[in-house]
PDB file of N, CA and C in Angstrom:
ATOM      1  N   UNK A   1       0.159  18.886  -3.810  1.00  0.00           N
ATOM      2  CA  UNK A   1       1.095  18.018  -3.841  1.00  0.00           C
ATOM      3  C   UNK A   1       0.627  17.021  -4.961  1.00  0.00           C
ATOM      4  N   UNK A   2       1.482  16.774  -6.226  1.00  0.00           N
ATOM      5  CA  UNK A   2       1.032  15.624  -7.230  1.00  0.00           C
ATOM      6  C   UNK A   2       1.067  14.465  -6.771  1.00  0.00           C
ATOM      7  N   UNK A   3       0.228  13.520  -7.292  1.00  0.00           N
ATOM      8  CA  UNK A   3      -0.050  12.156  -7.265  1.00  0.00           C
ATOM      9  C   UNK A   3       1.046  11.511  -7.998  1.00  0.00           C
ATOM     10  N   UNK A   4       2.029  10.566  -7.386  1.00  0.00           N
ATOM     11  CA  UNK A   4       2.949  10.017  -7.926  1.00  0.00           C
ATOM     12  C   UNK A   4       2.332   8.743  -8.730  1.00  0.00           C
ATOM     13  N   UNK A   5       2.353   8.575  -9.945  1.00  0.00           N
ATOM     14  CA  UNK A   5       1.808   7.198 -10.768  1.00  0.00           C
ATOM     15  C   UNK A   5       2.804   6.285 -10.642  1.00  0.00           C
ATOM     16  N   UNK A   6       2.583   5.057 -10.543  1.00  0.00           N
ATOM     17  CA  UNK A   6       3.254   4.025 -10.409  1.00  0.00           C
ATOM     18  C   UNK A   6       2.830   2.976 -11.648  1.00  0.00           C
ATOM     19  N   UNK A   7       4.057   2.540 -12.325  1.00  0.00           N
ATOM     20  CA  UNK A   7       3.812   1.604 -13.408  1.00  0.00           C
ATOM     21  C   UNK A   7       4.719   0.244 -12.782  1.00  0.00           C
ATOM     22  N   UNK A   8       3.967  -0.712 -13.167  1.00  0.00           N
ATOM     23  CA  UNK A   8       4.538  -1.943 -12.506  1.00  0.00           C
ATOM     24  C   UNK A   8       4.499  -2.916 -13.806  1.00  0.00           C
ATOM     25  N   UNK A   9       5.634  -3.564 -14.183  1.00  0.00           N
ATOM     26  CA  UNK A   9       5.757  -4.555 -15.297  1.00  0.00           C
ATOM     27  C   UNK A   9       5.821  -5.893 -14.506  1.00  0.00           C
ATOM     28  N   UNK A  10       4.992  -6.847 -15.182  1.00  0.00           N
ATOM     29  CA  UNK A  10       4.897  -8.154 -14.627  1.00  0.00           C
ATOM     30  C   UNK A  10       5.793  -8.864 -15.721  1.00  0.00           C
ATOM     31  N   UNK A  11       6.896  -9.532 -15.157  1.00  0.00           N
ATOM     32  CA  UNK A  11       7.583 -10.255 -15.858  1.00  0.00           C
ATOM     33  C   UNK A  11       7.061 -11.579 -16.497  1.00  0.00           C
ATOM     34  N   UNK A  12       6.414 -12.435 -15.505  1.00  0.00           N
ATOM     35  CA  UNK A  12       5.808 -13.317 -15.988  1.00  0.00           C
ATOM     36  C   UNK A  12       4.660 -13.603 -15.253  1.00  0.00           C
ATOM     37  N   UNK A  13       3.271 -14.451 -15.685  1.00  0.00           N
ATOM     38  CA  UNK A  13       2.090 -14.743 -15.259  1.00  0.00           C
ATOM     39  C   UNK A  13       2.299 -15.558 -14.185  1.00  0.00           C
ATOM     40  N   UNK A  14       1.654 -15.360 -13.036  1.00  0.00           N
ATOM     41  CA  UNK A  14       1.517 -16.034 -11.816  1.00  0.00           C
ATOM     42  C   UNK A  14       2.837 -15.915 -10.971  1.00  0.00           C
ATOM     43  N   UNK A  15       3.638 -14.811 -11.317  1.00  0.00           N
ATOM     44  CA  UNK A  15       4.694 -14.475 -10.288  1.00  0.00           C
ATOM     45  C   UNK A  15       4.201 -13.984  -9.213  1.00  0.00           C
ATOM     46  N   UNK A  16       4.726 -14.200  -7.993  1.00  0.00           N
ATOM     47  CA  UNK A  16       4.125 -13.934  -6.778  1.00  0.00           C
ATOM     48  C   UNK A  16       4.632 -12.396  -6.532  1.00  0.00           C
ATOM     49  N   UNK A  17       3.807 -11.463  -5.829  1.00  0.00           N
ATOM     50  CA  UNK A  17       3.834 -10.057  -5.657  1.00  0.00           C
ATOM     51  C   UNK A  17       5.388  -9.853  -5.054  1.00  0.00           C
ATOM     52  N   UNK A  18       5.640 -10.801  -4.026  1.00  0.00           N
ATOM     53  CA  UNK A  18       6.777 -10.423  -3.409  1.00  0.00           C
ATOM     54  C   UNK A  18       8.155 -10.451  -4.265  1.00  0.00           C
ATOM     55  N   UNK A  19       8.096 -11.068  -5.433  1.00  0.00           N
ATOM     56  CA  UNK A  19       9.090 -11.238  -6.612  1.00  0.00           C
ATOM     57  C   UNK A  19       9.459  -9.841  -7.289  1.00  0.00           C
ATOM     58  N   UNK A  20       8.581  -8.995  -7.164  1.00  0.00           N
ATOM     59  CA  UNK A  20       8.700  -7.617  -7.908  1.00  0.00           C
ATOM     60  C   UNK A  20       9.541  -6.814  -6.951  1.00  0.00           C
ATOM     61  N   UNK A  21      10.335  -6.115  -7.493  1.00  0.00           N
ATOM     62  CA  UNK A  21      11.420  -5.265  -6.609  1.00  0.00           C
ATOM     63  C   UNK A  21      10.445  -4.057  -6.166  1.00  0.00           C
ATOM     64  N   UNK A  22      11.178  -3.558  -5.031  1.00  0.00           N
ATOM     65  CA  UNK A  22      10.455  -2.397  -4.481  1.00  0.00           C
ATOM     66  C   UNK A  22      10.576  -1.044  -5.481  1.00  0.00           C
ATOM     67  N   UNK A  23       9.216  -0.261  -5.680  1.00  0.00           N
ATOM     68  CA  UNK A  23       9.585   0.650  -6.563  1.00  0.00           C
ATOM     69  C   UNK A  23       9.813   1.912  -5.475  1.00  0.00           C
ATOM     70  N   UNK A  24      11.123   2.566  -5.798  1.00  0.00           N
ATOM     71  CA  UNK A  24      11.225   3.913  -5.106  1.00  0.00           C
ATOM     72  C   UNK A  24      10.107   4.850  -5.423  1.00  0.00           C
ATOM     73  N   UNK A  25       9.925   5.584  -4.281  1.00  0.00           N
ATOM     74  CA  UNK A  25       8.726   6.653  -4.378  1.00  0.00           C
ATOM     75  C   UNK A  25       9.247   7.893  -3.842  1.00  0.00           C
ATOM     76  N   UNK A  26       9.383   9.059  -4.674  1.00  0.00           N
ATOM     77  CA  UNK A  26       9.766  10.438  -4.284  1.00  0.00           C
ATOM     78  C   UNK A  26       8.738  10.851  -3.118  1.00  0.00           C
ATOM     79  N   UNK A  27       9.287  11.792  -2.072  1.00  0.00           N
ATOM     80  CA  UNK A  27       8.081  12.330  -1.315  1.00  0.00           C
ATOM     81  C   UNK A  27       6.996  13.003  -2.067  1.00  0.00           C
ATOM     82  N   UNK A  28       5.818  12.701  -1.368  1.00  0.00           N
ATOM     83  CA  UNK A  28       4.699  13.268  -1.730  1.00  0.00           C
ATOM     84  C   UNK A  28       3.614  12.138  -1.804  1.00  0.00           C
ATOM     85  N   UNK A  29       2.514  12.062  -2.537  1.00  0.00           N
ATOM     86  CA  UNK A  29       1.434  11.119  -2.486  1.00  0.00           C
ATOM     87  C   UNK A  29       1.661   9.732  -3.294  1.00  0.00           C
ATOM     88  N   UNK A  30       1.498   8.625  -2.444  1.00  0.00           N
ATOM     89  CA  UNK A  30       1.841   7.378  -3.251  1.00  0.00           C
ATOM     90  C   UNK A  30       0.396   6.822  -3.386  1.00  0.00           C
ATOM     91  N   UNK A  31       0.156   6.533  -4.857  1.00  0.00           N
ATOM     92  CA  UNK A  31      -1.129   5.921  -5.444  1.00  0.00           C
ATOM     93  C   UNK A  31      -0.912   4.574  -5.498  1.00  0.00           C
ATOM     94  N   UNK A  32      -2.137   3.828  -5.003  1.00  0.00           N
ATOM     95  CA  UNK A  32      -2.168   2.497  -5.050  1.00  0.00           C
ATOM     96  C   UNK A  32      -3.524   2.168  -5.366  1.00  0.00           C
ATOM     97  N   UNK A  33      -3.913   0.913  -6.026  1.00  0.00           N
ATOM     98  CA  UNK A  33      -5.158   0.421  -6.247  1.00  0.00           C
ATOM     99  C   UNK A  33      -5.548  -0.873  -5.213  1.00  0.00           C
ATOM    100  N   UNK A  34      -6.615  -0.865  -4.767  1.00  0.00           N
ATOM    101  CA  UNK A  34      -6.937  -1.980  -4.136  1.00  0.00           C
ATOM    102  C   UNK A  34      -8.167  -2.782  -4.592  1.00  0.00           C
ATOM    103  N   UNK A  35      -7.884  -4.208  -4.673  1.00  0.00           N
ATOM    104  CA  UNK A  35      -9.102  -4.954  -5.325  1.00  0.00           C
ATOM    105  C   UNK A  35      -8.877  -6.443  -4.638  1.00  0.00           C
ATOM    106  N   UNK A  36      -9.938  -7.163  -4.778  1.00  0.00           N
ATOM    107  CA  UNK A  36      -9.802  -8.469  -4.245  1.00  0.00           C
ATOM    108  C   UNK A  36      -8.949  -9.354  -4.960  1.00  0.00           C
ATOM    109  N   UNK A  37      -7.761  -9.809  -4.244  1.00  0.00           N
ATOM    110  CA  UNK A  37      -7.369  -9.635  -2.788  1.00  0.00           C
ATOM    111  C   UNK A  37      -5.763  -9.295  -2.904  1.00  0.00           C
ATOM    112  N   UNK A  38      -5.694  -8.029  -3.542  1.00  0.00           N
ATOM    113  CA  UNK A  38      -4.351  -7.562  -3.579  1.00  0.00           C
ATOM    114  C   UNK A  38      -4.379  -5.924  -3.733  1.00  0.00           C
ATOM    115  N   UNK A  39      -3.251  -5.551  -3.432  1.00  0.00           N
ATOM    116  CA  UNK A  39      -2.680  -4.047  -3.622  1.00  0.00           C
ATOM    117  C   UNK A  39      -1.747  -4.010  -4.782  1.00  0.00           C
ATOM    118  N   UNK A  40      -2.015  -3.105  -5.745  1.00  0.00           N
ATOM    119  CA  UNK A  40      -0.952  -2.792  -6.914  1.00  0.00           C
ATOM    120  C   UNK A  40      -0.533  -1.447  -6.729  1.00  0.00           C
ATOM    121  N   UNK A  41       0.885  -1.144  -6.659  1.00  0.00           N
ATOM    122  CA  UNK A  41       1.788  -2.222  -6.275  1.00  0.00           C
ATOM    123  C   UNK A  41       1.580  -2.895  -4.987  1.00  0.00           C
ATOM    124  N   UNK A  42       2.363  -4.034  -4.785  1.00  0.00           N
ATOM    125  CA  UNK A  42       2.298  -4.498  -3.478  1.00  0.00           C
ATOM    126  C   UNK A  42       3.694  -4.415  -2.708  1.00  0.00           C
ATOM    127  N   UNK A  43       4.630  -3.970  -3.572  1.00  0.00           N
ATOM    128  CA  UNK A  43       5.980  -3.500  -2.933  1.00  0.00           C
ATOM    129  C   UNK A  43       6.357  -2.138  -3.295  1.00  0.00           C
ATOM    130  N   UNK A  44       6.539  -1.481  -1.994  1.00  0.00           N
ATOM    131  CA  UNK A  44       7.038   0.037  -2.098  1.00  0.00           C
ATOM    132  C   UNK A  44       8.133   0.405  -1.521  1.00  0.00           C
ATOM    133  N   UNK A  45       8.708   1.471  -1.907  1.00  0.00           N
ATOM    134  CA  UNK A  45       9.978   2.085  -1.128  1.00  0.00           C
ATOM    135  C   UNK A  45       9.812   3.453  -0.937  1.00  0.00           C
ATOM    136  N   UNK A  46       9.627   4.084   0.077  1.00  0.00           N
ATOM    137  CA  UNK A  46       9.606   5.509   0.375  1.00  0.00           C
ATOM    138  C   UNK A  46      10.367   6.200   1.133  1.00  0.00           C
ATOM    139  N   UNK A  47      10.821   7.429   1.005  1.00  0.00           N
ATOM    140  CA  UNK A  47      11.777   8.065   1.997  1.00  0.00           C
ATOM    141  C   UNK A  47      11.068   8.351   3.407  1.00  0.00           C
ATOM    142  N   UNK A  48      11.900   8.337   4.283  1.00  0.00           N
ATOM    143  CA  UNK A  48      11.513   8.648   5.615  1.00  0.00           C
ATOM    144  C   UNK A  48      10.775  10.276   5.616  1.00  0.00           C
ATOM    145  N   UNK A  49       9.864  10.314   6.678  1.00  0.00           N
ATOM    146  CA  UNK A  49       9.184  11.562   6.619  1.00  0.00           C
ATOM    147  C   UNK A  49       7.564  11.344   6.540  1.00  0.00           C
ATOM    148  N   UNK A  50       7.003  12.352   6.310  1.00  0.00           N
ATOM    149  CA  UNK A  50       5.530  12.429   6.196  1.00  0.00           C
ATOM    150  C   UNK A  50       5.270  11.782   4.570  1.00  0.00           C
ATOM    151  N   UNK A  51       4.257  10.805   4.665  1.00  0.00           N
ATOM    152  CA  UNK A  51       4.039  10.193   3.451  1.00  0.00           C
ATOM    153  C   UNK A  51       2.211  10.099   3.348  1.00  0.00           C
ATOM    154  N   UNK A  52       1.818  10.362   2.229  1.00  0.00           N
ATOM    155  CA  UNK A  52       0.330  10.253   2.026  1.00  0.00           C
ATOM    156  C   UNK A  52       0.060   9.008   0.977  1.00  0.00           C
ATOM    157  N   UNK A  53      -0.628   8.239   1.410  1.00  0.00           N
ATOM    158  CA  UNK A  53      -1.190   7.124   0.669  1.00  0.00           C
ATOM    159  C   UNK A  53      -2.723   7.395   0.236  1.00  0.00           C
ATOM    160  N   UNK A  54      -2.819   7.445  -1.282  1.00  0.00           N
ATOM    161  CA  UNK A  54      -4.099   7.644  -1.697  1.00  0.00           C
ATOM    162  C   UNK A  54      -4.523   6.282  -2.437  1.00  0.00           C
ATOM    163  N   UNK A  55      -5.526   5.476  -1.855  1.00  0.00           N
ATOM    164  CA  UNK A  55      -5.937   4.284  -2.133  1.00  0.00           C
ATOM    165  C   UNK A  55      -6.888   4.039  -2.866  1.00  0.00           C
ATOM    166  N   UNK A  56      -7.048   3.691  -4.255  1.00  0.00           N
ATOM    167  CA  UNK A  56      -8.348   3.717  -5.033  1.00  0.00           C
ATOM    168  C   UNK A  56      -8.831   2.217  -4.849  1.00  0.00           C
ATOM    169  N   UNK A  57     -10.198   2.245  -4.474  1.00  0.00           N
ATOM    170  CA  UNK A  57     -10.900   0.767  -4.486  1.00  0.00           C
ATOM    171  C   UNK A  57     -11.437   0.622  -5.687  1.00  0.00           C
ATOM    172  N   UNK A  58     -10.599  -0.309  -6.495  1.00  0.00           N
ATOM    173  CA  UNK A  58     -10.879  -0.871  -7.900  1.00  0.00           C
ATOM    174  C   UNK A  58     -11.574  -2.158  -7.869  1.00  0.00           C
ATOM    175  N   UNK A  59     -11.894  -2.403  -6.570  1.00  0.00           N
ATOM    176  CA  UNK A  59     -12.686  -3.925  -6.484  1.00  0.00           C
ATOM    177  C   UNK A  59     -14.095  -3.862  -6.479  1.00  0.00           C
ATOM    178  N   UNK A  60     -14.570  -4.811  -5.827  1.00  0.00           N
ATOM    179  CA  UNK A  60     -16.207  -4.994  -5.739  1.00  0.00           C
ATOM    180  C   UNK A  60     -16.592  -4.949  -4.568  1.00  0.00           C
ATOM    181  N   UNK A  61     -15.918  -4.594  -3.172  1.00  0.00           N
ATOM    182  CA  UNK A  61     -16.326  -4.614  -1.984  1.00  0.00           C
ATOM    183  C   UNK A  61     -15.537  -3.605  -1.425  1.00  0.00           C
ATOM    184  N   UNK A  62     -15.921  -3.301  -0.075  1.00  0.00           N
ATOM    185  CA  UNK A  62     -15.139  -2.093   0.750  1.00  0.00           C
ATOM    186  C   UNK A  62     -13.759  -2.858   0.897  1.00  0.00           C
ATOM    187  N   UNK A  63     -12.946  -1.717   1.121  1.00  0.00           N
ATOM    188  CA  UNK A  63     -11.586  -2.213   1.567  1.00  0.00           C
ATOM    189  C   UNK A  63     -10.978  -0.956   2.460  1.00  0.00           C
ATOM    190  N   UNK A  64      -9.925  -1.316   3.139  1.00  0.00           N
ATOM    191  CA  UNK A  64      -9.363  -0.381   3.864  1.00  0.00           C
ATOM    192  C   UNK A  64      -7.885  -0.430   3.881  1.00  0.00           C
ATOM    193  N   UNK A  65      -7.052   0.609   4.089  1.00  0.00           N
ATOM    194  CA  UNK A  65      -5.616   0.365   3.978  1.00  0.00           C
ATOM    195  C   UNK A  65      -4.987   0.734   5.258  1.00  0.00           C
ATOM    196  N   UNK A  66      -3.971  -0.337   5.932  1.00  0.00           N
ATOM    197  CA  UNK A  66      -3.472  -0.002   7.061  1.00  0.00           C
ATOM    198  C   UNK A  66      -1.996  -0.150   7.158  1.00  0.00           C
ATOM    199  N   UNK A  67      -1.090   0.616   7.767  1.00  0.00           N
ATOM    200  CA  UNK A  67       0.331   0.505   7.518  1.00  0.00           C
ATOM    201  C   UNK A  67       0.703   0.007   9.103  1.00  0.00           C
ATOM    202  N   UNK A  68       1.442  -1.191   9.073  1.00  0.00           N
ATOM    203  CA  UNK A  68       1.758  -1.731  10.213  1.00  0.00           C
ATOM    204  C   UNK A  68       3.360  -1.802  10.548  1.00  0.00           C
ATOM    205  N   UNK A  69       3.817  -1.702  11.673  1.00  0.00           N
ATOM    206  CA  UNK A  69       5.202  -1.979  11.928  1.00  0.00           C
ATOM    207  C   UNK A  69       5.494  -3.233  12.889  1.00  0.00           C
ATOM    208  N   UNK A  70       5.607  -4.251  12.216  1.00  0.00           N
ATOM    209  CA  UNK A  70       5.342  -5.663  13.056  1.00  0.00           C
ATOM    210  C   UNK A  70       4.044  -5.876  13.031  1.00  0.00           C
ATOM    211  N   UNK A  71       3.415  -5.999  14.427  1.00  0.00           N
ATOM    212  CA  UNK A  71       2.043  -6.195  14.745  1.00  0.00           C
ATOM    213  C   UNK A  71       1.323  -4.995  15.240  1.00  0.00           C
ATOM    214  N   UNK A  72       2.129  -3.611  15.229  1.00  0.00           N
ATOM    215  CA  UNK A  72       1.583  -2.640  15.670  1.00  0.00           C
ATOM    216  C   UNK A  72       1.171  -1.674  14.476  1.00  0.00           C
ATOM    217  N   UNK A  73      -0.180  -1.292  14.535  1.00  0.00           N
ATOM    218  CA  UNK A  73      -0.763  -0.261  13.555  1.00  0.00           C
ATOM    219  C   UNK A  73      -0.014   1.097  13.819  1.00  0.00           C
ATOM    220  N   UNK A  74       0.571   1.820  12.470  1.00  0.00           N
ATOM    221  CA  UNK A  74       1.162   3.009  12.409  1.00  0.00           C
ATOM    222  C   UNK A  74      -0.148   4.050  12.293  1.00  0.00           C
ATOM    223  N   UNK A  75      -1.169   3.265  11.393  1.00  0.00           N
ATOM    224  CA  UNK A  75      -2.260   4.385  10.859  1.00  0.00           C
ATOM    225  C   UNK A  75      -3.218   3.563   9.859  1.00  0.00           C
ATOM    226  N   UNK A  76      -4.335   3.693   9.796  1.00  0.00           N
ATOM    227  CA  UNK A  76      -5.177   3.206   8.764  1.00  0.00           C
ATOM    228  C   UNK A  76      -6.470   4.211   8.430  1.00  0.00           C
ATOM    229  N   UNK A  77      -6.961   3.728   7.192  1.00  0.00           N
ATOM    230  CA  UNK A  77      -8.039   4.466   6.864  1.00  0.00           C
ATOM    231  C   UNK A  77      -9.483   4.036   7.325  1.00  0.00           C
ATOM    232  N   UNK A  78     -10.386   4.546   7.387  1.00  0.00           N
ATOM    233  CA  UNK A  78     -11.750   3.953   7.394  1.00  0.00           C
ATOM    234  C   UNK A  78     -12.035   3.132   6.192  1.00  0.00           C
ATOM    235  N   UNK A  79     -12.978   2.356   6.404  1.00  0.00           N
ATOM    236  CA  UNK A  79     -13.494   1.408   5.141  1.00  0.00           C
ATOM    237  C   UNK A  79     -13.836   2.564   4.216  1.00  0.00           C
ATOM    238  N   UNK A  80     -13.505   2.164   2.832  1.00  0.00           N
ATOM    239  CA  UNK A  80     -13.868   2.916   1.715  1.00  0.00           C
ATOM    240  C   UNK A  80     -14.553   2.132   0.648  1.00  0.00           C
ATOM    241  N   UNK A  81     -15.507   2.665   0.194  1.00  0.00           N
ATOM    242  CA  UNK A  81     -16.452   2.019  -0.791  1.00  0.00           C
ATOM    243  C   UNK A  81     -15.871   1.758  -2.203  1.00  0.00           C
ATOM    244  N   UNK A  82     -16.572   0.979  -3.040  1.00  0.00           N
ATOM    245  CA  UNK A  82     -16.075   0.754  -4.325  1.00  0.00           C
ATOM    246  C   UNK A  82     -15.999   2.049  -5.187  1.00  0.00           C
ATOM    247  N   UNK A  83     -15.078   2.357  -5.806  1.00  0.00           N
ATOM    248  CA  UNK A  83     -14.965   3.450  -6.748  1.00  0.00           C
ATOM    249  C   UNK A  83     -14.422   4.722  -5.898  1.00  0.00           C
ATOM    250  N   UNK A  84     -14.199   4.635  -4.685  1.00  0.00           N
ATOM    251  CA  UNK A  84     -13.817   5.815  -3.835  1.00  0.00           C
ATOM    252  C   UNK A  84     -12.314   5.525  -3.505  1.00  0.00           C
ATOM    253  N   UNK A  85     -11.837   6.515  -2.896  1.00  0.00           N
ATOM    254  CA  UNK A  85     -10.278   6.495  -2.609  1.00  0.00           C
ATOM    255  C   UNK A  85     -10.232   6.773  -1.162  1.00  0.00           C
ATOM    256  N   UNK A  86      -9.307   5.796  -0.578  1.00  0.00           N
ATOM    257  CA  UNK A  86      -9.037   6.209   1.140  1.00  0.00           C
ATOM    258  C   UNK A  86      -7.547   6.980   1.057  1.00  0.00           C
ATOM    259  N   UNK A  87      -7.554   7.794   1.957  1.00  0.00           N
ATOM    260  CA  UNK A  87      -6.296   8.493   2.079  1.00  0.00           C
ATOM    261  C   UNK A  87      -5.604   8.419   3.532  1.00  0.00           C
ATOM    262  N   UNK A  88      -4.609   8.177   3.641  1.00  0.00           N
ATOM    263  CA  UNK A  88      -3.841   8.142   4.822  1.00  0.00           C
ATOM    264  C   UNK A  88      -2.539   8.913   4.657  1.00  0.00           C
ATOM    265  N   UNK A  89      -2.317   9.665   5.667  1.00  0.00           N
ATOM    266  CA  UNK A  89      -1.115  10.511   5.871  1.00  0.00           C
ATOM    267  C   UNK A  89      -0.568   9.835   7.192  1.00  0.00           C
ATOM    268  N   UNK A  90       0.932   9.461   7.083  1.00  0.00           N
ATOM    269  CA  UNK A  90       1.531   8.973   8.166  1.00  0.00           C
ATOM    270  C   UNK A  90       2.912   9.736   8.089  1.00  0.00           C
ATOM    271  N   UNK A  91       3.707   9.601   9.334  1.00  0.00           N
ATOM    272  CA  UNK A  91       5.145   9.906   9.377  1.00  0.00           C
ATOM    273  C   UNK A  91       5.861   8.836   9.598  1.00  0.00           C
ATOM    274  N   UNK A  92       6.611   8.292   8.833  1.00  0.00           N
ATOM    275  CA  UNK A  92       7.486   7.065   9.081  1.00  0.00           C
ATOM    276  C   UNK A  92       8.806   7.242   9.354  1.00  0.00           C
ATOM    277  N   UNK A  93       9.506   6.495  10.009  1.00  0.00           N
ATOM    278  CA  UNK A  93      11.069   6.397  10.248  1.00  0.00           C
ATOM    279  C   UNK A  93      11.482   5.220   9.315  1.00  0.00           C
ATOM    280  N   UNK A  94      12.729   5.373   9.113  1.00  0.00           N
ATOM    281  CA  UNK A  94      13.452   4.395   8.367  1.00  0.00           C
ATOM    282  C   UNK A  94      13.275   2.943   8.734  1.00  0.00           C
ATOM    283  N   UNK A  95      12.908   1.920   7.980  1.00  0.00           N
ATOM    284  CA  UNK A  95      12.631   0.599   8.623  1.00  0.00           C
ATOM    285  C   UNK A  95      11.625  -0.314   7.626  1.00  0.00           C
ATOM    286  N   UNK A  96      11.594  -1.450   8.210  1.00  0.00           N
ATOM    287  CA  UNK A  96      10.590  -2.254   7.264  1.00  0.00           C
ATOM    288  C   UNK A  96       9.212  -2.269   7.713  1.00  0.00           C
ATOM    289  N   UNK A  97       8.156  -2.017   7.066  1.00  0.00           N
ATOM    290  CA  UNK A  97       6.838  -2.105   7.353  1.00  0.00           C
ATOM    291  C   UNK A  97       5.913  -2.968   6.390  1.00  0.00           C
ATOM    292  N   UNK A  98       4.687  -3.463   6.871  1.00  0.00           N
ATOM    293  CA  UNK A  98       3.812  -3.841   5.846  1.00  0.00           C
ATOM    294  C   UNK A  98       2.803  -3.120   5.703  1.00  0.00           C
ATOM    295  N   UNK A  99       1.748  -3.460   4.835  1.00  0.00           N
ATOM    296  CA  UNK A  99       0.491  -2.658   4.877  1.00  0.00           C
ATOM    297  C   UNK A  99      -0.435  -3.760   4.242  1.00  0.00           C
ATOM    298  N   UNK A 100      -1.900  -3.376   4.651  1.00  0.00           N
ATOM    299  CA  UNK A 100      -3.039  -4.637   4.605  1.00  0.00           C
ATOM    300  C   UNK A 100      -4.209  -4.149   4.567  1.00  0.00           C
ATOM    301  N   UNK A 101      -5.050  -4.994   3.940  1.00  0.00           N
ATOM    302  CA  UNK A 101      -6.615  -4.619   4.284  1.00  0.00           C
ATOM    303  C   UNK A 101      -7.056  -5.805   5.244  1.00  0.00           C
ATOM    304  N   UNK A 102      -7.460  -5.336   6.227  1.00  0.00           N
ATOM    305  CA  UNK A 102      -7.868  -6.615   7.080  1.00  0.00           C
ATOM    306  C   UNK A 102      -9.404  -6.678   7.598  1.00  0.00           C
ATOM    307  N   UNK A 103     -10.020  -5.999   6.649  1.00  0.00           N
ATOM    308  CA  UNK A 103     -11.484  -6.218   6.643  1.00  0.00           C
ATOM    309  C   UNK A 103     -11.740  -7.512   6.076  1.00  0.00           C
ATOM    310  N   UNK A 104     -12.789  -8.251   6.717  1.00  0.00           N
ATOM    311  CA  UNK A 104     -13.293  -9.414   6.354  1.00  0.00           C
ATOM    312  C   UNK A 104     -12.239 -10.656   6.267  1.00  0.00           C
ATOM    313  N   UNK A 105     -11.111 -10.532   6.938  1.00  0.00           N
ATOM    314  CA  UNK A 105      -9.858 -11.369   6.838  1.00  0.00           C
ATOM    315  C   UNK A 105      -9.202 -11.144   5.425  1.00  0.00           C
ATOM    316  N   UNK A 106      -9.131 -10.011   4.618  1.00  0.00           N
ATOM    317  CA  UNK A 106      -8.778 -10.063   3.245  1.00  0.00           C
ATOM    318  C   UNK A 106      -7.350 -10.041   3.358  1.00  0.00           C
ATOM    319  N   UNK A 107      -6.604  -9.721   4.695  1.00  0.00           N
ATOM    320  CA  UNK A 107      -4.924  -9.918   4.639  1.00  0.00           C
ATOM    321  C   UNK A 107      -4.704 -11.337   4.567  1.00  0.00           C
ATOM    322  N   UNK A 108      -5.644 -12.310   5.233  1.00  0.00           N
ATOM    323  CA  UNK A 108      -5.142 -13.654   5.238  1.00  0.00           C
ATOM    324  C   UNK A 108      -5.717 -14.245   3.918  1.00  0.00           C
ATOM    325  N   UNK A 109      -6.177 -13.636   2.866  1.00  0.00           N
ATOM    326  CA  UNK A 109      -6.353 -14.112   1.399  1.00  0.00           C
ATOM    327  C   UNK A 109      -5.271 -13.420   0.550  1.00  0.00           C
ATOM    328  N   UNK A 110      -4.332 -12.767   1.201  1.00  0.00           N
ATOM    329  CA  UNK A 110      -3.116 -12.411   0.395  1.00  0.00           C
ATOM    330  C   UNK A 110      -3.322 -10.708   0.164  1.00  0.00           C
ATOM    331  N   UNK A 111      -4.079 -10.045   0.873  1.00  0.00           N
ATOM    332  CA  UNK A 111      -4.375  -8.461   0.543  1.00  0.00           C
ATOM    333  C   UNK A 111      -3.341  -7.768   1.509  1.00  0.00           C
ATOM    334  N   UNK A 112      -2.048  -7.948   1.328  1.00  0.00           N
ATOM    335  CA  UNK A 112      -0.820  -7.443   1.928  1.00  0.00           C
ATOM    336  C   UNK A 112       0.103  -6.923   0.902  1.00  0.00           C
ATOM    337  N   UNK A 113       0.972  -6.093   1.539  1.00  0.00           N
ATOM    338  CA  UNK A 113       2.221  -5.551   0.853  1.00  0.00           C
ATOM    339  C   UNK A 113       3.302  -5.233   1.643  1.00  0.00           C
ATOM    340  N   UNK A 114       4.545  -4.976   1.258  1.00  0.00           N
ATOM    341  CA  UNK A 114       5.636  -4.574   2.075  1.00  0.00           C
ATOM    342  C   UNK A 114       5.993  -3.172   1.650  1.00  0.00           C
ATOM    343  N   UNK A 115       6.462  -2.445   2.593  1.00  0.00           N
ATOM    344  CA  UNK A 115       7.079  -1.166   2.582  1.00  0.00           C
ATOM    345  C   UNK A 115       8.267  -0.964   3.062  1.00  0.00           C
ATOM    346  N   UNK A 116       9.146  -0.450   2.251  1.00  0.00           N
ATOM    347  CA  UNK A 116      10.470  -0.084   3.191  1.00  0.00           C
ATOM    348  C   UNK A 116      10.756   1.221   3.078  1.00  0.00           C
ATOM    349  N   UNK A 117      10.854   1.869   4.178  1.00  0.00           N
ATOM    350  CA  UNK A 117      11.059   3.155   4.413  1.00  0.00           C
ATOM    351  C   UNK A 117      12.737   3.617   4.557  1.00  0.00           C
ATOM    352  N   UNK A 118      13.234   4.411   3.510  1.00  0.00           N
ATOM    353  CA  UNK A 118      14.746   4.602   3.561  1.00  0.00           C
ATOM    354  C   UNK A 118      15.009   6.062   4.024  1.00  0.00           C
ATOM    355  N   UNK A 119      16.368   6.271   4.455  1.00  0.00           N
ATOM    356  CA  UNK A 119      16.725   7.230   4.828  1.00  0.00           C
ATOM    357  C   UNK A 119      16.434   7.264   6.471  1.00  0.00           C
ATOM    358  N   UNK A 120      16.392   8.668   6.865  1.00  0.00           N
ATOM    359  CA  UNK A 120      16.281   8.825   8.270  1.00  0.00           C
ATOM    360  C   UNK A 120      16.844  10.181   8.745  1.00  0.00           C
TER     361      UNK A 120
END
């Protein structure tokens, strides 16, 4: 399965991550970067069904990747070290989700994102 590369254009310096529109992703592998204290991209849209997230640790400390529906965890990676990639495969139904790194309170420092799952 090919990795889907994502390009994110920043319109203005200092714009909040939530200001960026969701990037539609075809089925397959969704590639993200994790670093202190954010994910790039931070807003995603994927089709319902099986989705694999490949999260590269581009930061200076360990991270994890967790998909949440409300407060309930749908799935998460184990902690992955600097320079490595954490992979998570989940089956998602249509709806609104979030993703986060909750190691050491990173989510409270803004290391979260939004995930829209379309179709059904």
